[in-house]
PDB file of N, CA and C in Angstrom:
ATOM      1  N   MET A   1      77.489 137.367-204.244  1.00  0.00           N
ATOM      2  CA  MET A   1      78.379 136.229-203.983  1.00  0.00           C
ATOM      3  C   MET A   1      77.806 135.393-203.022  1.00  0.00           C
ATOM      4  N   LEU A   2      77.386 135.856-201.858  1.00  0.00           N
ATOM      5  CA  LEU A   2      76.637 135.142-200.912  1.00  0.00           C
ATOM      6  C   LEU A   2      75.408 134.635-201.184  1.00  0.00           C
ATOM      7  N   ASP A   3      74.637 135.393-202.188  1.00  0.00           N
ATOM      8  CA  ASP A   3      73.433 134.842-202.661  1.00  0.00           C
ATOM      9  C   ASP A   3      73.510 133.728-203.540  1.00  0.00           C
ATOM     10  N   GLU A   4      74.548 133.707-204.455  1.00  0.00           N
ATOM     11  CA  GLU A   4      74.901 132.668-205.312  1.00  0.00           C
ATOM     12  C   GLU A   4      75.253 131.387-204.465  1.00  0.00           C
ATOM     13  N   ILE A   5      76.022 131.438-203.472  1.00  0.00           N
ATOM     14  CA  ILE A   5      76.346 130.368-202.481  1.00  0.00           C
ATOM     15  C   ILE A   5      75.163 129.698-201.820  1.00  0.00           C
ATOM     16  N   LEU A   6      74.226 130.662-201.345  1.00  0.00           N
ATOM     17  CA  LEU A   6      73.019 130.232-200.769  1.00  0.00           C
ATOM     18  C   LEU A   6      72.183 129.577-201.865  1.00  0.00           C
ATOM     19  N   ALA A   7      72.196 130.039-202.929  1.00  0.00           N
ATOM     20  CA  ALA A   7      71.185 129.496-203.979  1.00  0.00           C
ATOM     21  C   ALA A   7      71.709 128.063-204.528  1.00  0.00           C
ATOM     22  N   PHE A   8      73.204 128.056-204.441  1.00  0.00           N
ATOM     23  CA  PHE A   8      73.656 126.662-204.730  1.00  0.00           C
ATOM     24  C   PHE A   8      73.471 125.688-203.650  1.00  0.00           C
ATOM     25  N   ALA A   9      73.710 126.114-202.393  1.00  0.00           N
ATOM     26  CA  ALA A   9      73.460 125.077-201.275  1.00  0.00           C
ATOM     27  C   ALA A   9      71.970 124.826-201.210  1.00  0.00           C
ATOM     28  N   VAL A  10      71.178 125.516-201.553  1.00  0.00           N
ATOM     29  CA  VAL A  10      69.720 125.065-201.463  1.00  0.00           C
ATOM     30  C   VAL A  10      69.323 124.207-202.528  1.00  0.00           C
ATOM     31  N   SER A  11      69.857 124.471-203.620  1.00  0.00           N
ATOM     32  CA  SER A  11      69.595 123.580-204.759  1.00  0.00           C
ATOM     33  C   SER A  11      70.245 122.211-204.575  1.00  0.00           C
ATOM     34  N   HIS A  12      71.365 122.249-204.003  1.00  0.00           N
ATOM     35  CA  HIS A  12      71.947 121.015-203.804  1.00  0.00           C
ATOM     36  C   HIS A  12      72.025 120.401-202.382  1.00  0.00           C
ATOM     37  N   ALA A  13      71.032 120.793-201.661  1.00  0.00           N
ATOM     38  CA  ALA A  13      70.820 120.425-200.216  1.00  0.00           C
ATOM     39  C   ALA A  13      70.812 118.851-200.005  1.00  0.00           C
ATOM     40  N   GLN A  14      70.119 118.257-200.783  1.00  0.00           N
ATOM     41  CA  GLN A  14      70.115 116.689-200.829  1.00  0.00           C
ATOM     42  C   GLN A  14      71.473 116.011-200.858  1.00  0.00           C
ATOM     43  N   TRP A  15      72.310 116.508-201.875  1.00  0.00           N
ATOM     44  CA  TRP A  15      73.551 116.083-202.281  1.00  0.00           C
ATOM     45  C   TRP A  15      74.539 116.411-201.126  1.00  0.00           C
ATOM     46  N   ILE A  16      74.430 117.534-200.624  1.00  0.00           N
ATOM     47  CA  ILE A  16      75.343 118.022-199.490  1.00  0.00           C
ATOM     48  C   ILE A  16      75.054 117.115-198.079  1.00  0.00           C
ATOM     49  N   THR A  17      73.849 116.953-197.998  1.00  0.00           N
ATOM     50  CA  THR A  17      73.182 116.054-196.789  1.00  0.00           C
ATOM     51  C   THR A  17      73.833 114.610-196.982  1.00  0.00           C
ATOM     52  N   ASP A  18      73.667 114.213-197.983  1.00  0.00           N
ATOM     53  CA  ASP A  18      74.193 112.724-198.456  1.00  0.00           C
ATOM     54  C   ASP A  18      75.844 112.839-198.052  1.00  0.00           C
ATOM     55  N   CYS A  19      76.578 113.805-198.481  1.00  0.00           N
ATOM     56  CA  CYS A  19      77.861 113.773-198.296  1.00  0.00           C
ATOM     57  C   CYS A  19      78.300 113.876-196.713  1.00  0.00           C
ATOM     58  N   LEU A  20      77.540 114.647-196.038  1.00  0.00           N
ATOM     59  CA  LEU A  20      77.741 114.786-194.658  1.00  0.00           C
ATOM     60  C   LEU A  20      77.344 113.510-193.957  1.00  0.00           C
ATOM     61  N   ILE A  21      76.288 112.748-194.261  1.00  0.00           N
ATOM     62  CA  ILE A  21      76.010 111.575-193.832  1.00  0.00           C
ATOM     63  C   ILE A  21      77.173 110.519-193.938  1.00  0.00           C
ATOM     64  N   PHE A  22      77.494 110.435-195.044  1.00  0.00           N
ATOM     65  CA  PHE A  22      78.662 109.384-195.541  1.00  0.00           C
ATOM     66  C   PHE A  22      79.890 109.881-194.755  1.00  0.00           C
ATOM     67  N   ALA A  23      80.288 111.071-194.672  1.00  0.00           N
ATOM     68  CA  ALA A  23      81.391 111.384-193.824  1.00  0.00           C
ATOM     69  C   ALA A  23      81.048 111.011-192.418  1.00  0.00           C
ATOM     70  N   LEU A  24      80.130 111.260-191.836  1.00  0.00           N
ATOM     71  CA  LEU A  24      79.699 110.738-190.524  1.00  0.00           C
ATOM     72  C   LEU A  24      79.877 109.339-190.242  1.00  0.00           C
ATOM     73  N   VAL A  25      79.188 108.552-191.172  1.00  0.00           N
ATOM     74  CA  VAL A  25      79.459 107.006-191.224  1.00  0.00           C
ATOM     75  C   VAL A  25      80.838 106.643-191.236  1.00  0.00           C
ATOM     76  N   LEU A  26      81.629 107.334-192.096  1.00  0.00           N
ATOM     77  CA  LEU A  26      82.840 106.766-192.350  1.00  0.00           C
ATOM     78  C   LEU A  26      83.738 107.160-191.066  1.00  0.00           C
ATOM     79  N   LEU A  27      83.531 108.326-190.448  1.00  0.00           N
ATOM     80  CA  LEU A  27      84.177 108.678-189.241  1.00  0.00           C
ATOM     81  C   LEU A  27      83.765 107.913-188.089  1.00  0.00           C
ATOM     82  N   GLU A  28      82.638 107.365-187.933  1.00  0.00           N
ATOM     83  CA  GLU A  28      82.095 106.519-186.942  1.00  0.00           C
ATOM     84  C   GLU A  28      82.734 105.111-187.023  1.00  0.00           C
ATOM     85  N   LEU A  29      82.955 104.532-188.328  1.00  0.00           N
ATOM     86  CA  LEU A  29      83.792 103.252-188.544  1.00  0.00           C
ATOM     87  C   LEU A  29      85.234 103.399-188.116  1.00  0.00           C
ATOM     88  N   VAL A  30      85.699 104.599-188.412  1.00  0.00           N
ATOM     89  CA  VAL A  30      87.161 104.709-187.994  1.00  0.00           C
ATOM     90  C   VAL A  30      87.155 104.668-186.474  1.00  0.00           C
ATOM     91  N   HIS A  31      86.238 105.284-185.906  1.00  0.00           N
ATOM     92  CA  HIS A  31      86.166 105.411-184.311  1.00  0.00           C
ATOM     93  C   HIS A  31      85.982 104.065-183.772  1.00  0.00           C
ATOM     94  N   ILE A  32      85.100 103.393-184.280  1.00  0.00           N
ATOM     95  CA  ILE A  32      84.945 101.865-183.866  1.00  0.00           C
ATOM     96  C   ILE A  32      86.184 101.100-184.008  1.00  0.00           C
ATOM     97  N   GLY A  33      86.847 101.071-185.091  1.00  0.00           N
ATOM     98  CA  GLY A  33      88.096 100.392-185.262  1.00  0.00           C
ATOM     99  C   GLY A  33      89.289 100.768-184.416  1.00  0.00           C
ATOM    100  N   GLN A  34      89.357 102.235-184.102  1.00  0.00           N
ATOM    101  CA  GLN A  34      90.267 102.447-183.024  1.00  0.00           C
ATOM    102  C   GLN A  34      89.887 102.019-181.727  1.00  0.00           C
ATOM    103  N   THR A  35      88.591 102.265-181.254  1.00  0.00           N
ATOM    104  CA  THR A  35      88.280 101.752-180.020  1.00  0.00           C
ATOM    105  C   THR A  35      88.463 100.112-179.932  1.00  0.00           C
ATOM    106  N   ARG A  36      88.175  99.427-180.953  1.00  0.00           N
ATOM    107  CA  ARG A  36      88.544  97.948-180.902  1.00  0.00           C
ATOM    108  C   ARG A  36      89.906  97.684-180.567  1.00  0.00           C
ATOM    109  N   ARG A  37      90.805  98.315-181.592  1.00  0.00           N
ATOM    110  CA  ARG A  37      92.265  98.224-181.311  1.00  0.00           C
ATOM    111  C   ARG A  37      92.777  98.410-179.927  1.00  0.00           C
ATOM    112  N   ILE A  38      92.155  99.631-179.463  1.00  0.00           N
ATOM    113  CA  ILE A  38      92.720 100.011-178.034  1.00  0.00           C
ATOM    114  C   ILE A  38      92.115  98.830-176.924  1.00  0.00           C
ATOM    115  N   ASN A  39      90.948  98.435-177.150  1.00  0.00           N
ATOM    116  CA  ASN A  39      90.404  97.424-176.280  1.00  0.00           C
ATOM    117  C   ASN A  39      91.222  96.101-176.391  1.00  0.00           C
ATOM    118  N   LYS A  40      91.644  95.694-177.628  1.00  0.00           N
ATOM    119  CA  LYS A  40      92.517  94.605-177.668  1.00  0.00           C
ATOM    120  C   LYS A  40      93.652  94.780-176.953  1.00  0.00           C
ATOM    121  N   ARG A  41      94.518  95.900-177.060  1.00  0.00           N
ATOM    122  CA  ARG A  41      95.589  96.107-176.295  1.00  0.00           C
ATOM    123  C   ARG A  41      95.541  96.028-174.906  1.00  0.00           C
ATOM    124  N   LEU A  42      94.451  96.736-174.390  1.00  0.00           N
ATOM    125  CA  LEU A  42      94.121  96.817-173.013  1.00  0.00           C
ATOM    126  C   LEU A  42      93.813  95.350-172.516  1.00  0.00           C
ATOM    127  N   HIS A  43      93.231  94.611-173.316  1.00  0.00           N
ATOM    128  CA  HIS A  43      93.024  93.293-172.759  1.00  0.00           C
ATOM    129  C   HIS A  43      94.150  92.445-172.706  1.00  0.00           C
ATOM    130  N   LYS A  44      95.126  92.545-173.755  1.00  0.00           N
ATOM    131  CA  LYS A  44      96.385  91.746-173.613  1.00  0.00           C
ATOM    132  C   LYS A  44      97.130  92.439-172.336  1.00  0.00           C
ATOM    133  N   ALA A  45      97.165  93.573-172.221  1.00  0.00           N
ATOM    134  CA  ALA A  45      97.905  94.237-171.036  1.00  0.00           C
ATOM    135  C   ALA A  45      97.355  93.511-169.760  1.00  0.00           C
ATOM    136  N   GLY A  46      96.036  93.591-169.729  1.00  0.00           N
ATOM    137  CA  GLY A  46      95.396  92.941-168.439  1.00  0.00           C
ATOM    138  C   GLY A  46      95.810  91.495-168.259  1.00  0.00           C
ATOM    139  N   GLN A  47      95.799  90.768-169.301  1.00  0.00           N
ATOM    140  CA  GLN A  47      96.236  89.390-169.149  1.00  0.00           C
ATOM    141  C   GLN A  47      97.722  89.135-168.756  1.00  0.00           C
ATOM    142  N   TRP A  48      98.534  90.122-169.171  1.00  0.00           N
ATOM    143  CA  TRP A  48     100.003  90.087-168.799  1.00  0.00           C
ATOM    144  C   TRP A  48      99.920  90.431-167.263  1.00  0.00           C
ATOM    145  N   LEU A  49      99.266  91.462-166.970  1.00  0.00           N
ATOM    146  CA  LEU A  49      99.346  91.910-165.493  1.00  0.00           C
ATOM    147  C   LEU A  49      98.670  90.914-164.691  1.00  0.00           C
ATOM    148  N   GLN A  50      97.626  90.233-165.190  1.00  0.00           N
ATOM    149  CA  GLN A  50      97.172  88.965-164.399  1.00  0.00           C
ATOM    150  C   GLN A  50      98.190  88.067-164.182  1.00  0.00           C
ATOM    151  N   ARG A  51      98.867  87.770-165.291  1.00  0.00           N
ATOM    152  CA  ARG A  51      99.880  86.605-165.020  1.00  0.00           C
ATOM    153  C   ARG A  51     101.111  87.004-164.137  1.00  0.00           C
ATOM    154  N   TYR A  52     101.497  88.361-164.193  1.00  0.00           N
ATOM    155  CA  TYR A  52     102.556  88.814-163.378  1.00  0.00           C
ATOM    156  C   TYR A  52     101.954  88.806-161.924  1.00  0.00           C
ATOM    157  N   LEU A  53     100.754  89.303-161.634  1.00  0.00           N
ATOM    158  CA  LEU A  53     100.376  89.283-160.195  1.00  0.00           C
ATOM    159  C   LEU A  53     100.199  87.843-159.686  1.00  0.00           C
ATOM    160  N   SER A  54      99.650  86.983-160.561  1.00  0.00           N
ATOM    161  CA  SER A  54      99.480  85.563-160.080  1.00  0.00           C
ATOM    162  C   SER A  54     100.858  85.058-159.703  1.00  0.00           C
ATOM    163  N   VAL A  55     101.866  85.300-160.612  1.00  0.00           N
ATOM    164  CA  VAL A  55     103.236  84.673-160.269  1.00  0.00           C
ATOM    165  C   VAL A  55     103.776  85.310-158.749  1.00  0.00           C
ATOM    166  N   VAL A  56     103.595  86.752-158.719  1.00  0.00           N
ATOM    167  CA  VAL A  56     104.060  87.342-157.580  1.00  0.00           C
ATOM    168  C   VAL A  56     103.420  86.851-156.266  1.00  0.00           C
ATOM    169  N   LEU A  57     101.975  86.680-156.419  1.00  0.00           N
ATOM    170  CA  LEU A  57     101.245  86.130-155.264  1.00  0.00           C
ATOM    171  C   LEU A  57     101.523  84.896-154.913  1.00  0.00           C
ATOM    172  N   ARG A  58     101.708  84.009-155.920  1.00  0.00           N
ATOM    173  CA  ARG A  58     102.031  82.824-155.660  1.00  0.00           C
ATOM    174  C   ARG A  58     103.290  82.512-155.024  1.00  0.00           C
ATOM    175  N   GLU A  59     104.410  83.298-155.384  1.00  0.00           N
ATOM    176  CA  GLU A  59     105.703  83.176-154.693  1.00  0.00           C
ATOM    177  C   GLU A  59     105.660  83.555-153.088  1.00  0.00           C
ATOM    178  N   ASP A  60     104.726  84.526-152.887  1.00  0.00           N
ATOM    179  CA  ASP A  60     104.617  85.114-151.612  1.00  0.00           C
ATOM    180  C   ASP A  60     103.972  83.998-150.677  1.00  0.00           C
ATOM    181  N   THR A  61     102.876  83.215-151.269  1.00  0.00           N
ATOM    182  CA  THR A  61     102.088  82.257-150.460  1.00  0.00           C
ATOM    183  C   THR A  61     102.738  81.082-150.208  1.00  0.00           C
ATOM    184  N   TYR A  62     103.508  80.522-151.261  1.00  0.00           N
ATOM    185  CA  TYR A  62     104.198  79.350-151.243  1.00  0.00           C
ATOM    186  C   TYR A  62     105.621  79.314-150.905  1.00  0.00           C
ATOM    187  N   GLU A  63     106.107  79.583-149.527  1.00  0.00           N
ATOM    188  CA  GLU A  63     107.396  79.389-149.318  1.00  0.00           C
ATOM    189  C   GLU A  63     107.880  78.199-149.088  1.00  0.00           C
ATOM    190  N   GLU A  64     109.076  77.810-149.584  1.00  0.00           N
ATOM    191  CA  GLU A  64     109.823  76.625-149.461  1.00  0.00           C
ATOM    192  C   GLU A  64     110.200  76.365-147.989  1.00  0.00           C
ATOM    193  N   PRO A  65     110.011  75.001-147.441  1.00  0.00           N
ATOM    194  CA  PRO A  65     110.454  75.006-146.199  1.00  0.00           C
ATOM    195  C   PRO A  65     112.054  74.733-146.055  1.00  0.00           C
ATOM    196  N   GLU A  66     112.538  75.173-144.970  1.00  0.00           N
ATOM    197  CA  GLU A  66     114.159  75.219-144.972  1.00  0.00           C
ATOM    198  C   GLU A  66     114.736  73.932-144.706  1.00  0.00           C
ATOM    199  N   GLN A  67     115.659  73.654-145.227  1.00  0.00           N
ATOM    200  CA  GLN A  67     116.410  72.402-145.081  1.00  0.00           C
ATOM    201  C   GLN A  67     117.205  72.386-143.650  1.00  0.00           C
ATOM    202  N   GLU A  68     117.673  73.602-143.313  1.00  0.00           N
ATOM    203  CA  GLU A  68     118.478  73.719-142.080  1.00  0.00           C
ATOM    204  C   GLU A  68     117.803  73.037-140.619  1.00  0.00           C
ATOM    205  N   GLU A  69     116.575  72.981-140.561  1.00  0.00           N
ATOM    206  CA  GLU A  69     115.893  72.612-139.405  1.00  0.00           C
ATOM    207  C   GLU A  69     116.015  70.978-139.250  1.00  0.00           C
ATOM    208  N   THR A  70     115.988  70.301-140.512  1.00  0.00           N
ATOM    209  CA  THR A  70     116.169  68.833-140.442  1.00  0.00           C
ATOM    210  C   THR A  70     117.772  68.454-140.219  1.00  0.00           C
ATOM    211  N   GLY A  71     118.454  69.345-140.695  1.00  0.00           N
ATOM    212  CA  GLY A  71     119.944  69.275-140.545  1.00  0.00           C
ATOM    213  C   GLY A  71     120.305  69.420-139.150  1.00  0.00           C
ATOM    214  N   GLU A  72     119.785  70.374-138.311  1.00  0.00           N
ATOM    215  CA  GLU A  72     120.000  70.689-136.951  1.00  0.00           C
ATOM    216  C   GLU A  72     119.640  69.544-136.226  1.00  0.00           C
ATOM    217  N   ALA A  73     118.335  68.816-136.475  1.00  0.00           N
ATOM    218  CA  ALA A  73     117.713  67.827-135.779  1.00  0.00           C
ATOM    219  C   ALA A  73     118.685  66.633-135.854  1.00  0.00           C
ATOM    220  N   LYS A  74     119.181  66.364-137.049  1.00  0.00           N
ATOM    221  CA  LYS A  74     120.233  65.175-137.240  1.00  0.00           C
ATOM    222  C   LYS A  74     121.273  65.211-136.527  1.00  0.00           C
ATOM    223  N   GLU A  75     121.877  66.747-136.420  1.00  0.00           N
ATOM    224  CA  GLU A  75     123.249  66.934-135.804  1.00  0.00           C
ATOM    225  C   GLU A  75     123.011  66.668-134.195  1.00  0.00           C
ATOM    226  N   ALA A  76     121.866  67.133-133.690  1.00  0.00           N
ATOM    227  CA  ALA A  76     121.630  66.937-132.226  1.00  0.00           C
ATOM    228  C   ALA A  76     121.572  65.508-131.931  1.00  0.00           C
ATOM    229  N   ALA A  77     120.933  64.609-132.771  1.00  0.00           N
ATOM    230  CA  ALA A  77     120.777  63.234-132.371  1.00  0.00           C
ATOM    231  C   ALA A  77     121.784  62.269-132.891  1.00  0.00           C
ATOM    232  N   GLY A  78     122.656  62.956-133.543  1.00  0.00           N
ATOM    233  CA  GLY A  78     123.759  62.035-134.253  1.00  0.00           C
ATOM    234  C   GLY A  78     124.950  61.637-133.398  1.00  0.00           C
ATOM    235  N   ASP A  79     125.607  60.567-133.691  1.00  0.00           N
ATOM    236  CA  ASP A  79     126.735  60.114-132.895  1.00  0.00           C
ATOM    237  C   ASP A  79     127.913  60.844-133.466  1.00  0.00           C
ATOM    238  N   ASP A  80     129.201  60.625-132.697  1.00  0.00           N
ATOM    239  CA  ASP A  80     130.444  61.309-133.153  1.00  0.00           C
ATOM    240  C   ASP A  80     131.227  60.446-134.115  1.00  0.00           C
ATOM    241  N   THR A  81     130.611  59.708-134.819  1.00  0.00           N
ATOM    242  CA  THR A  81     131.456  58.714-135.763  1.00  0.00           C
ATOM    243  C   THR A  81     131.931  59.482-136.902  1.00  0.00           C
ATOM    244  N   ASP A  82     132.886  59.090-137.511  1.00  0.00           N
ATOM    245  CA  ASP A  82     133.332  59.615-138.947  1.00  0.00           C
ATOM    246  C   ASP A  82     132.309  59.594-140.016  1.00  0.00           C
ATOM    247  N   ASP A  83     131.607  58.573-140.036  1.00  0.00           N
ATOM    248  CA  ASP A  83     130.579  58.449-141.325  1.00  0.00           C
ATOM    249  C   ASP A  83     129.577  59.589-141.036  1.00  0.00           C
ATOM    250  N   GLU A  84     129.226  59.802-139.944  1.00  0.00           N
ATOM    251  CA  GLU A  84     127.990  60.629-139.796  1.00  0.00           C
ATOM    252  C   GLU A  84     128.702  62.125-139.804  1.00  0.00           C
ATOM    253  N   ALA A  85     129.859  62.350-139.544  1.00  0.00           N
ATOM    254  CA  ALA A  85     130.702  63.784-139.666  1.00  0.00           C
ATOM    255  C   ALA A  85     130.639  63.920-141.196  1.00  0.00           C
ATOM    256  N   GLN A  86     131.067  62.846-141.953  1.00  0.00           N
ATOM    257  CA  GLN A  86     131.136  63.063-143.422  1.00  0.00           C
ATOM    258  C   GLN A  86     129.714  63.296-144.050  1.00  0.00           C
ATOM    259  N   LEU A  87     128.780  62.528-143.371  1.00  0.00           N
ATOM    260  CA  LEU A  87     127.312  62.732-143.883  1.00  0.00           C
ATOM    261  C   LEU A  87     126.908  64.202-143.641  1.00  0.00           C
ATOM    262  N   SER A  88     127.284  64.539-142.590  1.00  0.00           N
ATOM    263  CA  SER A  88     126.699  65.844-142.093  1.00  0.00           C
ATOM    264  C   SER A  88     127.483  67.015-143.100  1.00  0.00           C
ATOM    265  N   ALA A  89     128.715  66.748-143.273  1.00  0.00           N
ATOM    266  CA  ALA A  89     129.569  67.635-144.000  1.00  0.00           C
ATOM    267  C   ALA A  89     128.873  67.655-145.465  1.00  0.00           C
ATOM    268  N   ALA A  90     128.656  66.393-145.868  1.00  0.00           N
ATOM    269  CA  ALA A  90     127.972  66.301-147.318  1.00  0.00           C
ATOM    270  C   ALA A  90     126.667  67.082-147.350  1.00  0.00           C
ATOM    271  N   ASN A  91     125.865  66.872-146.405  1.00  0.00           N
ATOM    272  CA  ASN A  91     124.600  67.654-146.168  1.00  0.00           C
ATOM    273  C   ASN A  91     124.727  69.015-146.201  1.00  0.00           C
ATOM    274  N   MET A  92     125.690  69.576-145.405  1.00  0.00           N
ATOM    275  CA  MET A  92     126.007  70.999-145.364  1.00  0.00           C
ATOM    276  C   MET A  92     126.307  71.511-146.741  1.00  0.00           C
ATOM    277  N   LEU A  93     127.304  70.753-147.538  1.00  0.00           N
ATOM    278  CA  LEU A  93     127.593  71.202-148.799  1.00  0.00           C
ATOM    279  C   LEU A  93     126.390  71.083-149.686  1.00  0.00           C
ATOM    280  N   LYS A  94     125.428  70.065-149.658  1.00  0.00           N
ATOM    281  CA  LYS A  94     124.401  70.106-150.435  1.00  0.00           C
ATOM    282  C   LYS A  94     123.463  71.193-150.065  1.00  0.00           C
ATOM    283  N   SER A  95     123.193  71.428-148.833  1.00  0.00           N
ATOM    284  CA  SER A  95     122.312  72.548-148.392  1.00  0.00           C
ATOM    285  C   SER A  95     122.982  73.925-148.832  1.00  0.00           C
ATOM    286  N   ARG A  96     124.153  74.164-148.935  1.00  0.00           N
ATOM    287  CA  ARG A  96     124.836  75.338-149.498  1.00  0.00           C
ATOM    288  C   ARG A  96     124.468  75.385-150.819  1.00  0.00           C
ATOM    289  N   GLN A  97     124.707  74.276-151.545  1.00  0.00           N
ATOM    290  CA  GLN A  97     124.508  74.174-153.064  1.00  0.00           C
ATOM    291  C   GLN A  97     123.103  74.574-153.289  1.00  0.00           C
ATOM    292  N   GLU A  98     122.257  73.973-152.526  1.00  0.00           N
ATOM    293  CA  GLU A  98     120.787  74.037-152.847  1.00  0.00           C
ATOM    294  C   GLU A  98     120.378  75.536-152.507  1.00  0.00           C
ATOM    295  N   GLU A  99     120.919  76.154-151.419  1.00  0.00           N
ATOM    296  CA  GLU A  99     120.728  77.744-151.219  1.00  0.00           C
ATOM    297  C   GLU A  99     121.218  78.302-152.195  1.00  0.00           C
ATOM    298  N   ASN A 100     122.348  78.018-152.629  1.00  0.00           N
ATOM    299  CA  ASN A 100     122.902  78.928-153.936  1.00  0.00           C
ATOM    300  C   ASN A 100     122.028  78.989-155.125  1.00  0.00           C
ATOM    301  N   MET A 101     121.549  77.660-155.363  1.00  0.00           N
ATOM    302  CA  MET A 101     120.708  77.387-156.451  1.00  0.00           C
ATOM    303  C   MET A 101     119.348  78.213-156.241  1.00  0.00           C
ATOM    304  N   ARG A 102     118.852  78.054-155.101  1.00  0.00           N
ATOM    305  CA  ARG A 102     117.566  78.863-154.798  1.00  0.00           C
ATOM    306  C   ARG A 102     117.802  80.212-155.104  1.00  0.00           C
ATOM    307  N   THR A 103     118.951  80.823-154.538  1.00  0.00           N
ATOM    308  CA  THR A 103     119.171  82.300-154.712  1.00  0.00           C
ATOM    309  C   THR A 103     119.070  82.712-156.237  1.00  0.00           C
ATOM    310  N   VAL A 104     119.912  81.774-157.044  1.00  0.00           N
ATOM    311  CA  VAL A 104     120.096  82.037-158.380  1.00  0.00           C
ATOM    312  C   VAL A 104     118.688  81.895-159.167  1.00  0.00           C
ATOM    313  N   LEU A 105     118.050  81.036-158.731  1.00  0.00           N
ATOM    314  CA  LEU A 105     116.528  80.766-159.264  1.00  0.00           C
ATOM    315  C   LEU A 105     115.640  82.124-158.863  1.00  0.00           C
ATOM    316  N   ALA A 106     115.889  82.492-157.585  1.00  0.00           N
ATOM    317  CA  ALA A 106     115.114  83.628-157.118  1.00  0.00           C
ATOM    318  C   ALA A 106     115.363  84.887-158.046  1.00  0.00           C
ATOM    319  N   GLN A 107     116.802  84.973-158.295  1.00  0.00           N
ATOM    320  CA  GLN A 107     117.173  86.245-159.057  1.00  0.00           C
ATOM    321  C   GLN A 107     116.724  86.093-160.537  1.00  0.00           C
ATOM    322  N   LYS A 108     116.760  84.946-161.023  1.00  0.00           N
ATOM    323  CA  LYS A 108     116.193  84.748-162.474  1.00  0.00           C
ATOM    324  C   LYS A 108     114.737  85.021-162.377  1.00  0.00           C
ATOM    325  N   LYS A 109     113.918  84.636-161.401  1.00  0.00           N
ATOM    326  CA  LYS A 109     112.602  84.864-161.269  1.00  0.00           C
ATOM    327  C   LYS A 109     112.251  86.369-161.267  1.00  0.00           C
ATOM    328  N   GLN A 110     113.160  87.014-160.348  1.00  0.00           N
ATOM    329  CA  GLN A 110     112.840  88.452-160.266  1.00  0.00           C
ATOM    330  C   GLN A 110     113.178  89.193-161.576  1.00  0.00           C
ATOM    331  N   LYS A 111     114.278  88.720-162.233  1.00  0.00           N
ATOM    332  CA  LYS A 111     114.678  89.417-163.477  1.00  0.00           C
ATOM    333  C   LYS A 111     113.623  89.219-164.526  1.00  0.00           C
ATOM    334  N   ARG A 112     113.148  87.986-164.441  1.00  0.00           N
ATOM    335  CA  ARG A 112     112.008  87.740-165.545  1.00  0.00           C
ATOM    336  C   ARG A 112     110.641  88.406-165.243  1.00  0.00           C
ATOM    337  N   ASN A 113     110.451  88.690-163.872  1.00  0.00           N
ATOM    338  CA  ASN A 113     109.236  89.391-163.458  1.00  0.00           C
ATOM    339  C   ASN A 113     109.307  90.715-163.706  1.00  0.00           C
ATOM    340  N   GLU A 114     110.497  91.390-163.560  1.00  0.00           N
ATOM    341  CA  GLU A 114     110.770  92.691-163.877  1.00  0.00           C
ATOM    342  C   GLU A 114     110.692  92.980-165.358  1.00  0.00           C
ATOM    343  N   GLU A 115     111.177  92.107-166.106  1.00  0.00           N
ATOM    344  CA  GLU A 115     111.024  92.144-167.664  1.00  0.00           C
ATOM    345  C   GLU A 115     109.532  92.002-168.046  1.00  0.00           C
ATOM    346  N   LEU A 116     108.887  91.027-167.559  1.00  0.00           N
ATOM    347  CA  LEU A 116     107.370  90.930-167.658  1.00  0.00           C
ATOM    348  C   LEU A 116     106.709  92.540-167.295  1.00  0.00           C
ATOM    349  N   LEU A 117     107.020  92.776-166.160  1.00  0.00           N
ATOM    350  CA  LEU A 117     106.323  94.115-165.815  1.00  0.00           C
ATOM    351  C   LEU A 117     106.605  95.123-166.795  1.00  0.00           C
ATOM    352  N   ASP A 118     108.139  95.294-167.026  1.00  0.00           N
ATOM    353  CA  ASP A 118     108.349  96.254-167.990  1.00  0.00           C
ATOM    354  C   ASP A 118     107.630  96.073-169.336  1.00  0.00           C
ATOM    355  N   SER A 119     107.441  94.999-169.952  1.00  0.00           N
ATOM    356  CA  SER A 119     106.760  94.730-171.077  1.00  0.00           C
ATOM    357  C   SER A 119     105.104  95.103-170.926  1.00  0.00           C
ATOM    358  N   VAL A 120     104.645  94.773-169.724  1.00  0.00           N
ATOM    359  CA  VAL A 120     103.300  95.123-169.547  1.00  0.00           C
ATOM    360  C   VAL A 120     103.093  96.505-169.430  1.00  0.00           C
ATOM    361  N   LEU A 121     103.974  97.152-168.795  1.00  0.00           N
ATOM    362  CA  LEU A 121     103.941  98.791-168.861  1.00  0.00           C
ATOM    363  C   LEU A 121     103.969  99.203-170.189  1.00  0.00           C
ATOM    364  N   GLN A 122     105.161  98.848-170.935  1.00  0.00           N
ATOM    365  CA  GLN A 122     105.259  99.164-172.312  1.00  0.00           C
ATOM    366  C   GLN A 122     104.033  99.185-173.172  1.00  0.00           C
ATOM    367  N   GLU A 123     103.508  97.703-173.105  1.00  0.00           N
ATOM    368  CA  GLU A 123     102.272  97.556-173.835  1.00  0.00           C
ATOM    369  C   GLU A 123     101.172  98.352-173.618  1.00  0.00           C
ATOM    370  N   ILE A 124     100.910  98.822-172.286  1.00  0.00           N
ATOM    371  CA  ILE A 124      99.745  99.619-171.663  1.00  0.00           C
ATOM    372  C   ILE A 124     100.071 101.094-172.177  1.00  0.00           C
ATOM    373  N   PHE A 125     101.334 101.471-172.141  1.00  0.00           N
ATOM    374  CA  PHE A 125     101.541 102.974-172.665  1.00  0.00           C
ATOM    375  C   PHE A 125     101.864 103.262-174.083  1.00  0.00           C
ATOM    376  N   ASP A 126     101.909 102.048-174.810  1.00  0.00           N
ATOM    377  CA  ASP A 126     102.272 102.304-176.296  1.00  0.00           C
ATOM    378  C   ASP A 126     100.840 102.599-177.088  1.00  0.00           C
TER     379      ASP A 126
END
């Protein structure tokens, strides 16, 4: 039985070698395709991470100036008239509204950044 298998293998050595080379080429093409797909995903994840980090670092470096300093300077130099009192009250109301808007915007940015980070991590680990 073993002699028959060896005789068959020797007589068809060229055909068996061709089949093995074809299988090798086919597996190499599959490997190249998978590597390319993984590299694309890593590239996209890197871009998302770059965007996220640029947003985070930009927020840290660019802090908005506070409006309270100018309001305090106006109050120190101002008179005790009713117009100025109403103006300062209106400014305080505006500054409170602006502060509330800033906190809401900051919360929205933080939520968006968290979602972006989650999607980046999801893309990396998928």
